[in-house]
């Protein structure tokens, strides 16, 4: 299999707190809907909700997933999320390294449930 970058997306999800972001990330990876989820936070979000300007501390999830999984991924996030209207938006990848794209494809195969290896990180020696 030779996956193309356009076959994958990074899905951004904002979560209320670290515990919620961890639960969502764990479920998406365990269920094969995502190869990897990065959790960043806390971040400050400023937004309009029901006519009022809100300032909130949130956690941002960067979910690496096949574009074809978006509907299932969105449904699962909604099941796990505490917000009435959670942010779930996808950006399709334009490019990516072949080994990483291969790992994404292998790690999110719904037919394969065995643990996969993430590409080794290169360490700089000083």
PDB file of N, CA and C in Angstrom:
ATOM      1  N   UNK A   1       0.834  -1.183   0.000  1.00  0.00           N
ATOM      2  CA  UNK A   1       0.000   0.000   0.000  1.00  0.00           C
ATOM      3  C   UNK A   1       0.877   1.244   0.000  1.00  0.00           C
ATOM      4  N   UNK A   2       0.552   2.179  -0.855  1.00  0.00           N
ATOM      5  CA  UNK A   2       1.312   3.415  -0.955  1.00  0.00           C
ATOM      6  C   UNK A   2       0.355   4.589  -0.734  1.00  0.00           C
ATOM      7  N   UNK A   3       0.059   4.928   0.521  1.00  0.00           N
ATOM      8  CA  UNK A   3      -0.930   5.974   0.793  1.00  0.00           C
ATOM      9  C   UNK A   3      -0.439   7.357   0.370  1.00  0.00           C
ATOM     10  N   UNK A   4      -1.390   8.199  -0.011  1.00  0.00           N
ATOM     11  CA  UNK A   4      -1.098   9.587  -0.362  1.00  0.00           C
ATOM     12  C   UNK A   4      -1.479  10.492   0.803  1.00  0.00           C
ATOM     13  N   UNK A   5      -0.799  11.623   0.914  1.00  0.00           N
ATOM     14  CA  UNK A   5      -1.085  12.571   2.000  1.00  0.00           C
ATOM     15  C   UNK A   5      -2.548  12.976   2.001  1.00  0.00           C
ATOM     16  N   UNK A   6      -3.125  13.154   0.823  1.00  0.00           N
ATOM     17  CA  UNK A   6      -4.525  13.611   0.740  1.00  0.00           C
ATOM     18  C   UNK A   6      -5.521  12.596   1.317  1.00  0.00           C
ATOM     19  N   UNK A   7      -5.057  11.371   1.582  1.00  0.00           N
ATOM     20  CA  UNK A   7      -5.913  10.358   2.193  1.00  0.00           C
ATOM     21  C   UNK A   7      -6.107  10.589   3.690  1.00  0.00           C
ATOM     22  N   UNK A   8      -5.362  11.544   4.264  1.00  0.00           N
ATOM     23  CA  UNK A   8      -5.371  11.760   5.707  1.00  0.00           C
ATOM     24  C   UNK A   8      -5.708  13.196   6.058  1.00  0.00           C
ATOM     25  N   UNK A   9      -6.182  13.376   7.275  1.00  0.00           N
ATOM     26  CA  UNK A   9      -6.523  14.699   7.795  1.00  0.00           C
ATOM     27  C   UNK A   9      -5.975  14.845   9.197  1.00  0.00           C
ATOM     28  N   UNK A  10      -5.820  16.095   9.592  1.00  0.00           N
ATOM     29  CA  UNK A  10      -5.641  16.411  11.005  1.00  0.00           C
ATOM     30  C   UNK A  10      -6.963  17.010  11.449  1.00  0.00           C
ATOM     31  N   UNK A  11      -7.558  16.377  12.437  1.00  0.00           N
ATOM     32  CA  UNK A  11      -8.844  16.831  12.956  1.00  0.00           C
ATOM     33  C   UNK A  11      -8.572  17.559  14.264  1.00  0.00           C
ATOM     34  N   UNK A  12      -9.052  18.778  14.357  1.00  0.00           N
ATOM     35  CA  UNK A  12      -8.891  19.559  15.573  1.00  0.00           C
ATOM     36  C   UNK A  12     -10.159  19.459  16.408  1.00  0.00           C
ATOM     37  N   UNK A  13      -9.961  19.154  17.678  1.00  0.00           N
ATOM     38  CA  UNK A  13     -11.057  19.048  18.647  1.00  0.00           C
ATOM     39  C   UNK A  13     -10.623  19.834  19.878  1.00  0.00           C
ATOM     40  N   UNK A  14     -11.508  20.663  20.392  1.00  0.00           N
ATOM     41  CA  UNK A  14     -11.242  21.358  21.640  1.00  0.00           C
ATOM     42  C   UNK A  14     -12.008  20.643  22.749  1.00  0.00           C
ATOM     43  N   UNK A  15     -11.346  20.468  23.895  1.00  0.00           N
ATOM     44  CA  UNK A  15     -11.961  19.770  25.029  1.00  0.00           C
ATOM     45  C   UNK A  15     -11.939  20.662  26.265  1.00  0.00           C
ATOM     46  N   UNK A  16     -12.842  20.382  27.181  1.00  0.00           N
ATOM     47  CA  UNK A  16     -13.020  21.207  28.376  1.00  0.00           C
ATOM     48  C   UNK A  16     -11.842  21.149  29.339  1.00  0.00           C
ATOM     49  N   UNK A  17     -11.211  19.980  29.444  1.00  0.00           N
ATOM     50  CA  UNK A  17     -10.118  19.846  30.402  1.00  0.00           C
ATOM     51  C   UNK A  17      -9.196  18.702  29.980  1.00  0.00           C
ATOM     52  N   UNK A  18      -8.138  18.538  30.739  1.00  0.00           N
ATOM     53  CA  UNK A  18      -7.138  17.528  30.402  1.00  0.00           C
ATOM     54  C   UNK A  18      -7.708  16.109  30.477  1.00  0.00           C
ATOM     55  N   UNK A  19      -8.539  15.846  31.465  1.00  0.00           N
ATOM     56  CA  UNK A  19      -9.120  14.502  31.611  1.00  0.00           C
ATOM     57  C   UNK A  19      -9.998  14.159  30.408  1.00  0.00           C
ATOM     58  N   UNK A  20     -10.845  15.087  29.999  1.00  0.00           N
ATOM     59  CA  UNK A  20     -11.711  14.837  28.850  1.00  0.00           C
ATOM     60  C   UNK A  20     -10.888  14.639  27.580  1.00  0.00           C
ATOM     61  N   UNK A  21      -9.874  15.462  27.380  1.00  0.00           N
ATOM     62  CA  UNK A  21      -9.043  15.320  26.180  1.00  0.00           C
ATOM     63  C   UNK A  21      -8.339  13.961  26.180  1.00  0.00           C
ATOM     64  N   UNK A  22      -7.896  13.504  27.337  1.00  0.00           N
ATOM     65  CA  UNK A  22      -7.248  12.203  27.441  1.00  0.00           C
ATOM     66  C   UNK A  22      -8.193  11.056  27.137  1.00  0.00           C
ATOM     67  N   UNK A  23      -9.425  11.142  27.631  1.00  0.00           N
ATOM     68  CA  UNK A  23     -10.418  10.092  27.356  1.00  0.00           C
ATOM     69  C   UNK A  23     -10.733  10.007  25.865  1.00  0.00           C
ATOM     70  N   UNK A  24     -10.899  11.157  25.242  1.00  0.00           N
ATOM     71  CA  UNK A  24     -11.207  11.185  23.810  1.00  0.00           C
ATOM     72  C   UNK A  24     -10.035  10.624  23.017  1.00  0.00           C
ATOM     73  N   UNK A  25      -8.822  11.073  23.319  1.00  0.00           N
ATOM     74  CA  UNK A  25      -7.630  10.614  22.599  1.00  0.00           C
ATOM     75  C   UNK A  25      -7.464   9.105  22.730  1.00  0.00           C
ATOM     76  N   UNK A  26      -7.572   8.598  23.937  1.00  0.00           N
ATOM     77  CA  UNK A  26      -7.399   7.166  24.182  1.00  0.00           C
ATOM     78  C   UNK A  26      -8.412   6.350  23.392  1.00  0.00           C
ATOM     79  N   UNK A  27      -9.655   6.762  23.411  1.00  0.00           N
ATOM     80  CA  UNK A  27     -10.707   6.023  22.700  1.00  0.00           C
ATOM     81  C   UNK A  27     -10.465   6.026  21.194  1.00  0.00           C
ATOM     82  N   UNK A  28     -10.106   7.171  20.625  1.00  0.00           N
ATOM     83  CA  UNK A  28      -9.912   7.250  19.175  1.00  0.00           C
ATOM     84  C   UNK A  28      -8.767   6.368  18.703  1.00  0.00           C
ATOM     85  N   UNK A  29      -7.675   6.328  19.473  1.00  0.00           N
ATOM     86  CA  UNK A  29      -6.533   5.490  19.096  1.00  0.00           C
ATOM     87  C   UNK A  29      -6.856   4.018  19.326  1.00  0.00           C
ATOM     88  N   UNK A  30      -7.432   3.687  20.477  1.00  0.00           N
ATOM     89  CA  UNK A  30      -7.776   2.292  20.769  1.00  0.00           C
ATOM     90  C   UNK A  30      -8.734   1.710  19.735  1.00  0.00           C
ATOM     91  N   UNK A  31      -9.667   2.524  19.268  1.00  0.00           N
ATOM     92  CA  UNK A  31     -10.688   2.055  18.334  1.00  0.00           C
ATOM     93  C   UNK A  31     -10.239   2.117  16.876  1.00  0.00           C
ATOM     94  N   UNK A  32      -9.005   2.530  16.626  1.00  0.00           N
ATOM     95  CA  UNK A  32      -8.480   2.564  15.268  1.00  0.00           C
ATOM     96  C   UNK A  32      -8.983   3.710  14.418  1.00  0.00           C
ATOM     97  N   UNK A  33      -9.626   4.694  15.028  1.00  0.00           N
ATOM     98  CA  UNK A  33     -10.112   5.843  14.276  1.00  0.00           C
ATOM     99  C   UNK A  33      -9.018   6.886  14.065  1.00  0.00           C
ATOM    100  N   UNK A  34      -7.963   6.820  14.870  1.00  0.00           N
ATOM    101  CA  UNK A  34      -6.829   7.740  14.770  1.00  0.00           C
ATOM    102  C   UNK A  34      -5.549   6.966  15.022  1.00  0.00           C
ATOM    103  N   UNK A  35      -4.484   7.389  14.342  1.00  0.00           N
ATOM    104  CA  UNK A  35      -3.166   6.784  14.576  1.00  0.00           C
ATOM    105  C   UNK A  35      -2.497   7.433  15.773  1.00  0.00           C
ATOM    106  N   UNK A  36      -2.751   8.714  15.949  1.00  0.00           N
ATOM    107  CA  UNK A  36      -2.064   9.497  16.972  1.00  0.00           C
ATOM    108  C   UNK A  36      -2.925  10.697  17.317  1.00  0.00           C
ATOM    109  N   UNK A  37      -2.922  11.076  18.579  1.00  0.00           N
ATOM    110  CA  UNK A  37      -3.598  12.299  19.013  1.00  0.00           C
ATOM    111  C   UNK A  37      -2.631  13.078  19.882  1.00  0.00           C
ATOM    112  N   UNK A  38      -2.345  14.304  19.480  1.00  0.00           N
ATOM    113  CA  UNK A  38      -1.533  15.200  20.299  1.00  0.00           C
ATOM    114  C   UNK A  38      -2.474  16.053  21.135  1.00  0.00           C
ATOM    115  N   UNK A  39      -2.132  16.217  22.411  1.00  0.00           N
ATOM    116  CA  UNK A  39      -2.931  17.041  23.314  1.00  0.00           C
ATOM    117  C   UNK A  39      -2.089  18.235  23.710  1.00  0.00           C
ATOM    118  N   UNK A  40      -2.624  19.425  23.453  1.00  0.00           N
ATOM    119  CA  UNK A  40      -1.917  20.668  23.743  1.00  0.00           C
ATOM    120  C   UNK A  40      -2.775  21.484  24.695  1.00  0.00           C
ATOM    121  N   UNK A  41      -2.138  21.990  25.748  1.00  0.00           N
ATOM    122  CA  UNK A  41      -2.929  22.848  26.603  1.00  0.00           C
ATOM    123  C   UNK A  41      -2.339  23.008  27.982  1.00  0.00           C
ATOM    124  N   UNK A  42      -2.973  23.839  28.715  1.00  0.00           N
ATOM    125  CA  UNK A  42      -4.199  24.525  28.340  1.00  0.00           C
ATOM    126  C   UNK A  42      -3.937  25.673  27.357  1.00  0.00           C
ATOM    127  N   UNK A  43      -4.953  25.956  26.570  1.00  0.00           N
ATOM    128  CA  UNK A  43      -4.930  27.095  25.654  1.00  0.00           C
ATOM    129  C   UNK A  43      -6.092  28.005  26.031  1.00  0.00           C
ATOM    130  N   UNK A  44      -6.003  29.242  25.639  1.00  0.00           N
ATOM    131  CA  UNK A  44      -7.085  30.187  25.903  1.00  0.00           C
ATOM    132  C   UNK A  44      -7.910  30.328  24.637  1.00  0.00           C
ATOM    133  N   UNK A  45      -9.202  30.148  24.760  1.00  0.00           N
ATOM    134  CA  UNK A  45     -10.126  30.298  23.641  1.00  0.00           C
ATOM    135  C   UNK A  45     -11.051  31.473  23.920  1.00  0.00           C
ATOM    136  N   UNK A  46     -11.225  32.320  22.923  1.00  0.00           N
ATOM    137  CA  UNK A  46     -12.151  33.447  22.998  1.00  0.00           C
ATOM    138  C   UNK A  46     -13.176  33.223  21.888  1.00  0.00           C
ATOM    139  N   UNK A  47     -14.452  33.176  22.248  1.00  0.00           N
ATOM    140  CA  UNK A  47     -15.482  32.857  21.261  1.00  0.00           C
ATOM    141  C   UNK A  47     -16.821  33.432  21.695  1.00  0.00           C
ATOM    142  N   UNK A  48     -17.741  33.494  20.747  1.00  0.00           N
ATOM    143  CA  UNK A  48     -19.094  33.959  21.038  1.00  0.00           C
ATOM    144  C   UNK A  48     -19.981  32.743  21.248  1.00  0.00           C
ATOM    145  N   UNK A  49     -20.722  32.732  22.358  1.00  0.00           N
ATOM    146  CA  UNK A  49     -21.652  31.641  22.639  1.00  0.00           C
ATOM    147  C   UNK A  49     -22.932  32.227  23.203  1.00  0.00           C
ATOM    148  N   UNK A  50     -24.019  32.013  22.491  1.00  0.00           N
ATOM    149  CA  UNK A  50     -25.343  32.504  22.893  1.00  0.00           C
ATOM    150  C   UNK A  50     -25.337  34.005  23.166  1.00  0.00           C
ATOM    151  N   UNK A  51     -24.688  34.726  22.252  1.00  0.00           N
ATOM    152  CA  UNK A  51     -24.688  36.183  22.312  1.00  0.00           C
ATOM    153  C   UNK A  51     -23.667  36.809  23.237  1.00  0.00           C
ATOM    154  N   UNK A  52     -22.929  36.032  23.966  1.00  0.00           N
ATOM    155  CA  UNK A  52     -21.927  36.534  24.912  1.00  0.00           C
ATOM    156  C   UNK A  52     -20.525  36.149  24.448  1.00  0.00           C
ATOM    157  N   UNK A  53     -19.551  37.020  24.750  1.00  0.00           N
ATOM    158  CA  UNK A  53     -18.157  36.711  24.478  1.00  0.00           C
ATOM    159  C   UNK A  53     -17.630  35.890  25.657  1.00  0.00           C
ATOM    160  N   UNK A  54     -17.079  34.734  25.364  1.00  0.00           N
ATOM    161  CA  UNK A  54     -16.572  33.821  26.383  1.00  0.00           C
ATOM    162  C   UNK A  54     -15.047  33.733  26.303  1.00  0.00           C
ATOM    163  N   UNK A  55     -14.417  33.542  27.431  1.00  0.00           N
ATOM    164  CA  UNK A  55     -12.986  33.243  27.545  1.00  0.00           C
ATOM    165  C   UNK A  55     -12.896  31.941  28.314  1.00  0.00           C
ATOM    166  N   UNK A  56     -12.223  30.954  27.723  1.00  0.00           N
ATOM    167  CA  UNK A  56     -12.170  29.653  28.377  1.00  0.00           C
ATOM    168  C   UNK A  56     -10.778  29.042  28.269  1.00  0.00           C
ATOM    169  N   UNK A  57     -10.435  28.253  29.277  1.00  0.00           N
ATOM    170  CA  UNK A  57      -9.239  27.397  29.223  1.00  0.00           C
ATOM    171  C   UNK A  57      -9.690  26.076  28.650  1.00  0.00           C
ATOM    172  N   UNK A  58      -9.042  25.661  27.563  1.00  0.00           N
ATOM    173  CA  UNK A  58      -9.404  24.408  26.921  1.00  0.00           C
ATOM    174  C   UNK A  58      -8.140  23.642  26.560  1.00  0.00           C
ATOM    175  N   UNK A  59      -8.341  22.423  26.101  1.00  0.00           N
ATOM    176  CA  UNK A  59      -7.250  21.586  25.603  1.00  0.00           C
ATOM    177  C   UNK A  59      -7.534  21.262  24.143  1.00  0.00           C
ATOM    178  N   UNK A  60      -6.508  21.392  23.310  1.00  0.00           N
ATOM    179  CA  UNK A  60      -6.656  21.152  21.882  1.00  0.00           C
ATOM    180  C   UNK A  60      -6.096  19.782  21.520  1.00  0.00           C
ATOM    181  N   UNK A  61      -6.874  19.016  20.784  1.00  0.00           N
ATOM    182  CA  UNK A  61      -6.440  17.720  20.289  1.00  0.00           C
ATOM    183  C   UNK A  61      -6.150  17.846  18.798  1.00  0.00           C
ATOM    184  N   UNK A  62      -4.999  17.356  18.378  1.00  0.00           N
ATOM    185  CA  UNK A  62      -4.654  17.243  16.963  1.00  0.00           C
ATOM    186  C   UNK A  62      -4.703  15.767  16.617  1.00  0.00           C
ATOM    187  N   UNK A  63      -5.752  15.360  15.933  1.00  0.00           N
ATOM    188  CA  UNK A  63      -6.028  13.954  15.660  1.00  0.00           C
ATOM    189  C   UNK A  63      -5.587  13.620  14.241  1.00  0.00           C
ATOM    190  N   UNK A  64      -4.641  12.674  14.094  1.00  0.00           N
ATOM    191  CA  UNK A  64      -4.199  12.244  12.770  1.00  0.00           C
ATOM    192  C   UNK A  64      -5.019  11.042  12.370  1.00  0.00           C
ATOM    193  N   UNK A  65      -5.792  11.180  11.288  1.00  0.00           N
ATOM    194  CA  UNK A  65      -6.746  10.138  10.914  1.00  0.00           C
ATOM    195  C   UNK A  65      -6.971  10.115   9.407  1.00  0.00           C
ATOM    196  N   UNK A  66      -7.394   8.957   8.891  1.00  0.00           N
ATOM    197  CA  UNK A  66      -7.786   8.902   7.483  1.00  0.00           C
ATOM    198  C   UNK A  66      -9.013   9.775   7.253  1.00  0.00           C
ATOM    199  N   UNK A  67      -9.045  10.476   6.135  1.00  0.00           N
ATOM    200  CA  UNK A  67     -10.195  11.316   5.820  1.00  0.00           C
ATOM    201  C   UNK A  67     -11.492  10.528   5.775  1.00  0.00           C
ATOM    202  N   UNK A  68     -11.413   9.274   5.359  1.00  0.00           N
ATOM    203  CA  UNK A  68     -12.596   8.434   5.279  1.00  0.00           C
ATOM    204  C   UNK A  68     -13.179   8.041   6.621  1.00  0.00           C
ATOM    205  N   UNK A  69     -12.466   8.308   7.701  1.00  0.00           N
ATOM    206  CA  UNK A  69     -12.948   7.981   9.050  1.00  0.00           C
ATOM    207  C   UNK A  69     -13.685   9.149   9.697  1.00  0.00           C
ATOM    208  N   UNK A  70     -13.798  10.292   8.994  1.00  0.00           N
ATOM    209  CA  UNK A  70     -14.302  11.488   9.664  1.00  0.00           C
ATOM    210  C   UNK A  70     -15.688  11.293  10.276  1.00  0.00           C
ATOM    211  N   UNK A  71     -16.628  10.712   9.556  1.00  0.00           N
ATOM    212  CA  UNK A  71     -17.987  10.557  10.098  1.00  0.00           C
ATOM    213  C   UNK A  71     -17.994   9.718  11.370  1.00  0.00           C
ATOM    214  N   UNK A  72     -17.257   8.601  11.353  1.00  0.00           N
ATOM    215  CA  UNK A  72     -17.190   7.746  12.550  1.00  0.00           C
ATOM    216  C   UNK A  72     -16.466   8.454  13.676  1.00  0.00           C
ATOM    217  N   UNK A  73     -15.377   9.159  13.341  1.00  0.00           N
ATOM    218  CA  UNK A  73     -14.603   9.894  14.342  1.00  0.00           C
ATOM    219  C   UNK A  73     -15.466  10.989  14.970  1.00  0.00           C
ATOM    220  N   UNK A  74     -16.182  11.741  14.144  1.00  0.00           N
ATOM    221  CA  UNK A  74     -17.052  12.807  14.657  1.00  0.00           C
ATOM    222  C   UNK A  74     -18.117  12.228  15.587  1.00  0.00           C
ATOM    223  N   UNK A  75     -18.736  11.148  15.170  1.00  0.00           N
ATOM    224  CA  UNK A  75     -19.775  10.510  15.995  1.00  0.00           C
ATOM    225  C   UNK A  75     -19.204  10.089  17.355  1.00  0.00           C
ATOM    226  N   UNK A  76     -18.001   9.491  17.340  1.00  0.00           N
ATOM    227  CA  UNK A  76     -17.392   9.022  18.597  1.00  0.00           C
ATOM    228  C   UNK A  76     -17.006  10.190  19.501  1.00  0.00           C
ATOM    229  N   UNK A  77     -16.463  11.255  18.917  1.00  0.00           N
ATOM    230  CA  UNK A  77     -16.119  12.433  19.729  1.00  0.00           C
ATOM    231  C   UNK A  77     -17.373  13.001  20.372  1.00  0.00           C
ATOM    232  N   UNK A  78     -18.457  13.104  19.618  1.00  0.00           N
ATOM    233  CA  UNK A  78     -19.713  13.629  20.178  1.00  0.00           C
ATOM    234  C   UNK A  78     -20.211  12.771  21.341  1.00  0.00           C
ATOM    235  N   UNK A  79     -20.052  11.451  21.245  1.00  0.00           N
ATOM    236  CA  UNK A  79     -20.472  10.557  22.325  1.00  0.00           C
ATOM    237  C   UNK A  79     -19.663  10.797  23.594  1.00  0.00           C
ATOM    238  N   UNK A  80     -18.386  11.126  23.442  1.00  0.00           N
ATOM    239  CA  UNK A  80     -17.483  11.262  24.589  1.00  0.00           C
ATOM    240  C   UNK A  80     -17.387  12.686  25.131  1.00  0.00           C
ATOM    241  N   UNK A  81     -17.844  13.654  24.377  1.00  0.00           N
ATOM    242  CA  UNK A  81     -17.606  15.076  24.670  1.00  0.00           C
ATOM    243  C   UNK A  81     -18.668  15.674  25.577  1.00  0.00           C
ATOM    244  N   UNK A  82     -18.252  16.619  26.422  1.00  0.00           N
ATOM    245  CA  UNK A  82     -19.186  17.274  27.344  1.00  0.00           C
ATOM    246  C   UNK A  82     -19.874  18.497  26.734  1.00  0.00           C
ATOM    247  N   UNK A  83     -19.350  19.037  25.626  1.00  0.00           N
ATOM    248  CA  UNK A  83     -19.924  20.253  25.042  1.00  0.00           C
ATOM    249  C   UNK A  83     -21.173  19.941  24.228  1.00  0.00           C
ATOM    250  N   UNK A  84     -22.091  20.893  24.235  1.00  0.00           N
ATOM    251  CA  UNK A  84     -23.288  20.804  23.406  1.00  0.00           C
ATOM    252  C   UNK A  84     -22.913  20.864  21.917  1.00  0.00           C
ATOM    253  N   UNK A  85     -21.968  21.740  21.585  1.00  0.00           N
ATOM    254  CA  UNK A  85     -21.501  21.903  20.206  1.00  0.00           C
ATOM    255  C   UNK A  85     -19.974  21.849  20.205  1.00  0.00           C
ATOM    256  N   UNK A  86     -19.397  20.654  20.219  1.00  0.00           N
ATOM    257  CA  UNK A  86     -17.928  20.573  20.228  1.00  0.00           C
ATOM    258  C   UNK A  86     -17.329  20.967  18.880  1.00  0.00           C
ATOM    259  N   UNK A  87     -16.146  21.556  18.939  1.00  0.00           N
ATOM    260  CA  UNK A  87     -15.398  21.851  17.710  1.00  0.00           C
ATOM    261  C   UNK A  87     -14.792  20.554  17.199  1.00  0.00           C
ATOM    262  N   UNK A  88     -15.149  20.182  15.988  1.00  0.00           N
ATOM    263  CA  UNK A  88     -14.594  18.997  15.325  1.00  0.00           C
ATOM    264  C   UNK A  88     -14.412  19.399  13.866  1.00  0.00           C
ATOM    265  N   UNK A  89     -13.210  19.827  13.500  1.00  0.00           N
ATOM    266  CA  UNK A  89     -12.943  20.297  12.142  1.00  0.00           C
ATOM    267  C   UNK A  89     -11.721  19.586  11.587  1.00  0.00           C
ATOM    268  N   UNK A  90     -11.767  19.265  10.298  1.00  0.00           N
ATOM    269  CA  UNK A  90     -10.678  18.526   9.665  1.00  0.00           C
ATOM    270  C   UNK A  90      -9.999  19.360   8.592  1.00  0.00           C
ATOM    271  N   UNK A  91      -8.684  19.199   8.527  1.00  0.00           N
ATOM    272  CA  UNK A  91      -7.876  19.816   7.476  1.00  0.00           C
ATOM    273  C   UNK A  91      -7.145  18.689   6.769  1.00  0.00           C
ATOM    274  N   UNK A  92      -7.371  18.571   5.474  1.00  0.00           N
ATOM    275  CA  UNK A  92      -6.736  17.506   4.685  1.00  0.00           C
ATOM    276  C   UNK A  92      -5.256  17.799   4.519  1.00  0.00           C
ATOM    277  N   UNK A  93      -4.424  16.774   4.627  1.00  0.00           N
ATOM    278  CA  UNK A  93      -2.980  16.937   4.458  1.00  0.00           C
ATOM    279  C   UNK A  93      -2.633  17.182   2.995  1.00  0.00           C
ATOM    280  N   UNK A  94      -1.656  18.026   2.759  1.00  0.00           N
ATOM    281  CA  UNK A  94      -1.176  18.311   1.405  1.00  0.00           C
ATOM    282  C   UNK A  94       0.066  17.492   1.080  1.00  0.00           C
ATOM    283  N   UNK A  95       0.862  17.191   2.092  1.00  0.00           N
ATOM    284  CA  UNK A  95       2.103  16.439   1.884  1.00  0.00           C
ATOM    285  C   UNK A  95       2.490  15.764   3.191  1.00  0.00           C
ATOM    286  N   UNK A  96       3.344  14.744   3.069  1.00  0.00           N
ATOM    287  CA  UNK A  96       3.834  14.044   4.257  1.00  0.00           C
ATOM    288  C   UNK A  96       4.913  13.061   3.852  1.00  0.00           C
ATOM    289  N   UNK A  97       5.773  12.718   4.796  1.00  0.00           N
ATOM    290  CA  UNK A  97       6.836  11.765   4.484  1.00  0.00           C
ATOM    291  C   UNK A  97       6.226  10.386   4.241  1.00  0.00           C
ATOM    292  N   UNK A  98       6.763   9.660   3.288  1.00  0.00           N
ATOM    293  CA  UNK A  98       6.227   8.339   2.933  1.00  0.00           C
ATOM    294  C   UNK A  98       6.215   7.379   4.124  1.00  0.00           C
ATOM    295  N   UNK A  99       7.310   7.304   4.912  1.00  0.00           N
ATOM    296  CA  UNK A  99       7.252   6.385   6.060  1.00  0.00           C
ATOM    297  C   UNK A  99       6.157   6.753   7.064  1.00  0.00           C
ATOM    298  N   UNK A 100       5.972   8.037   7.302  1.00  0.00           N
ATOM    299  CA  UNK A 100       4.948   8.461   8.258  1.00  0.00           C
ATOM    300  C   UNK A 100       3.551   8.170   7.715  1.00  0.00           C
ATOM    301  N   UNK A 101       3.316   8.445   6.439  1.00  0.00           N
ATOM    302  CA  UNK A 101       2.011   8.153   5.849  1.00  0.00           C
ATOM    303  C   UNK A 101       1.718   6.659   5.880  1.00  0.00           C
ATOM    304  N   UNK A 102       2.745   5.849   5.642  1.00  0.00           N
ATOM    305  CA  UNK A 102       2.576   4.402   5.726  1.00  0.00           C
ATOM    306  C   UNK A 102       2.193   3.970   7.128  1.00  0.00           C
ATOM    307  N   UNK A 103       2.852   4.577   8.123  1.00  0.00           N
ATOM    308  CA  UNK A 103       2.533   4.264   9.517  1.00  0.00           C
ATOM    309  C   UNK A 103       1.099   4.689   9.852  1.00  0.00           C
ATOM    310  N   UNK A 104       0.670   5.865   9.357  1.00  0.00           N
ATOM    311  CA  UNK A 104      -0.706   6.306   9.586  1.00  0.00           C
ATOM    312  C   UNK A 104      -1.691   5.285   9.025  1.00  0.00           C
ATOM    313  N   UNK A 105      -1.424   4.832   7.796  1.00  0.00           N
ATOM    314  CA  UNK A 105      -2.324   3.868   7.158  1.00  0.00           C
ATOM    315  C   UNK A 105      -2.370   2.561   7.946  1.00  0.00           C
ATOM    316  N   UNK A 106      -1.211   2.072   8.318  1.00  0.00           N
ATOM    317  CA  UNK A 106      -1.127   0.811   9.067  1.00  0.00           C
ATOM    318  C   UNK A 106      -1.815   0.925  10.426  1.00  0.00           C
ATOM    319  N   UNK A 107      -1.638   2.043  11.080  1.00  0.00           N
ATOM    320  CA  UNK A 107      -2.146   2.228  12.444  1.00  0.00           C
ATOM    321  C   UNK A 107      -3.638   2.472  12.513  1.00  0.00           C
ATOM    322  N   UNK A 108      -4.257   2.795  11.393  1.00  0.00           N
ATOM    323  CA  UNK A 108      -5.687   3.103  11.413  1.00  0.00           C
ATOM    324  C   UNK A 108      -6.497   2.121  10.585  1.00  0.00           C
ATOM    325  N   UNK A 109      -5.900   1.011  10.211  1.00  0.00           N
ATOM    326  CA  UNK A 109      -6.633  -0.009   9.466  1.00  0.00           C
ATOM    327  C   UNK A 109      -7.684  -0.613  10.372  1.00  0.00           C
ATOM    328  N   UNK A 110      -8.922  -0.563   9.965  1.00  0.00           N
ATOM    329  CA  UNK A 110      -9.987  -1.128  10.778  1.00  0.00           C
ATOM    330  C   UNK A 110      -9.973  -2.646  10.761  1.00  0.00           C
ATOM    331  N   UNK A 111      -9.267  -3.244   9.803  1.00  0.00           N
ATOM    332  CA  UNK A 111      -9.203  -4.698   9.749  1.00  0.00           C
ATOM    333  C   UNK A 111      -8.046  -5.241  10.568  1.00  0.00           C
ATOM    334  N   UNK A 112      -7.084  -4.390  10.898  1.00  0.00           N
ATOM    335  CA  UNK A 112      -5.916  -4.828  11.662  1.00  0.00           C
ATOM    336  C   UNK A 112      -5.965  -4.225  13.051  1.00  0.00           C
ATOM    337  N   UNK A 113      -5.977  -5.047  14.073  1.00  0.00           N
ATOM    338  CA  UNK A 113      -6.054  -4.553  15.439  1.00  0.00           C
ATOM    339  C   UNK A 113      -4.793  -4.834  16.238  1.00  0.00           C
ATOM    340  N   UNK A 114      -3.757  -5.388  15.603  1.00  0.00           N
ATOM    341  CA  UNK A 114      -2.527  -5.649  16.351  1.00  0.00           C
ATOM    342  C   UNK A 114      -1.774  -4.345  16.547  1.00  0.00           C
ATOM    343  N   UNK A 115      -0.991  -4.239  17.615  1.00  0.00           N
ATOM    344  CA  UNK A 115      -0.246  -3.009  17.863  1.00  0.00           C
ATOM    345  C   UNK A 115       0.714  -2.729  16.716  1.00  0.00           C
ATOM    346  N   UNK A 116       0.817  -1.466  16.357  1.00  0.00           N
ATOM    347  CA  UNK A 116       1.748  -1.093  15.297  1.00  0.00           C
ATOM    348  C   UNK A 116       2.866  -0.253  15.891  1.00  0.00           C
ATOM    349  N   UNK A 117       3.943  -0.227  15.199  1.00  0.00           N
ATOM    350  CA  UNK A 117       5.096   0.536  15.668  1.00  0.00           C
ATOM    351  C   UNK A 117       5.114   1.901  15.027  1.00  0.00           C
ATOM    352  N   UNK A 118       5.279   2.884  15.858  1.00  0.00           N
ATOM    353  CA  UNK A 118       5.443   4.243  15.363  1.00  0.00           C
ATOM    354  C   UNK A 118       6.868   4.382  14.858  1.00  0.00           C
ATOM    355  N   UNK A 119       7.078   5.148  13.783  1.00  0.00           N
ATOM    356  CA  UNK A 119       8.442   5.326  13.306  1.00  0.00           C
ATOM    357  C   UNK A 119       9.343   5.844  14.429  1.00  0.00           C
ATOM    358  N   UNK A 120      10.541   5.284  14.496  1.00  0.00           N
ATOM    359  CA  UNK A 120      11.467   5.709  15.551  1.00  0.00           C
ATOM    360  C   UNK A 120      11.850   7.170  15.357  1.00  0.00           C
ATOM    361  N   UNK A 121      11.957   7.844  16.467  1.00  0.00           N
ATOM    362  CA  UNK A 121      12.395   9.237  16.435  1.00  0.00           C
ATOM    363  C   UNK A 121      13.904   9.282  16.377  1.00  0.00           C
ATOM    364  N   UNK A 122      14.402  10.169  15.597  1.00  0.00           N
ATOM    365  CA  UNK A 122      15.853  10.348  15.530  1.00  0.00           C
ATOM    366  C   UNK A 122      16.262  11.237  16.680  1.00  0.00           C
ATOM    367  N   UNK A 123      17.315  10.876  17.337  1.00  0.00           N
ATOM    368  CA  UNK A 123      17.820  11.686  18.429  1.00  0.00           C
ATOM    369  C   UNK A 123      19.091  12.364  17.989  1.00  0.00           C
ATOM    370  N   UNK A 124      19.236  13.579  18.407  1.00  0.00           N
ATOM    371  CA  UNK A 124      20.449  14.338  18.096  1.00  0.00           C
ATOM    372  C   UNK A 124      21.479  14.080  19.183  1.00  0.00           C
ATOM    373  N   UNK A 125      22.639  13.768  18.779  1.00  0.00           N
ATOM    374  CA  UNK A 125      23.722  13.567  19.750  1.00  0.00           C
ATOM    375  C   UNK A 125      24.582  14.811  19.750  1.00  0.00           C
ATOM    376  N   UNK A 126      24.845  15.280  20.946  1.00  0.00           N
ATOM    377  CA  UNK A 126      25.686  16.483  21.064  1.00  0.00           C
ATOM    378  C   UNK A 126      26.992  16.182  21.758  1.00  0.00           C
TER     379      UNK A 126
END
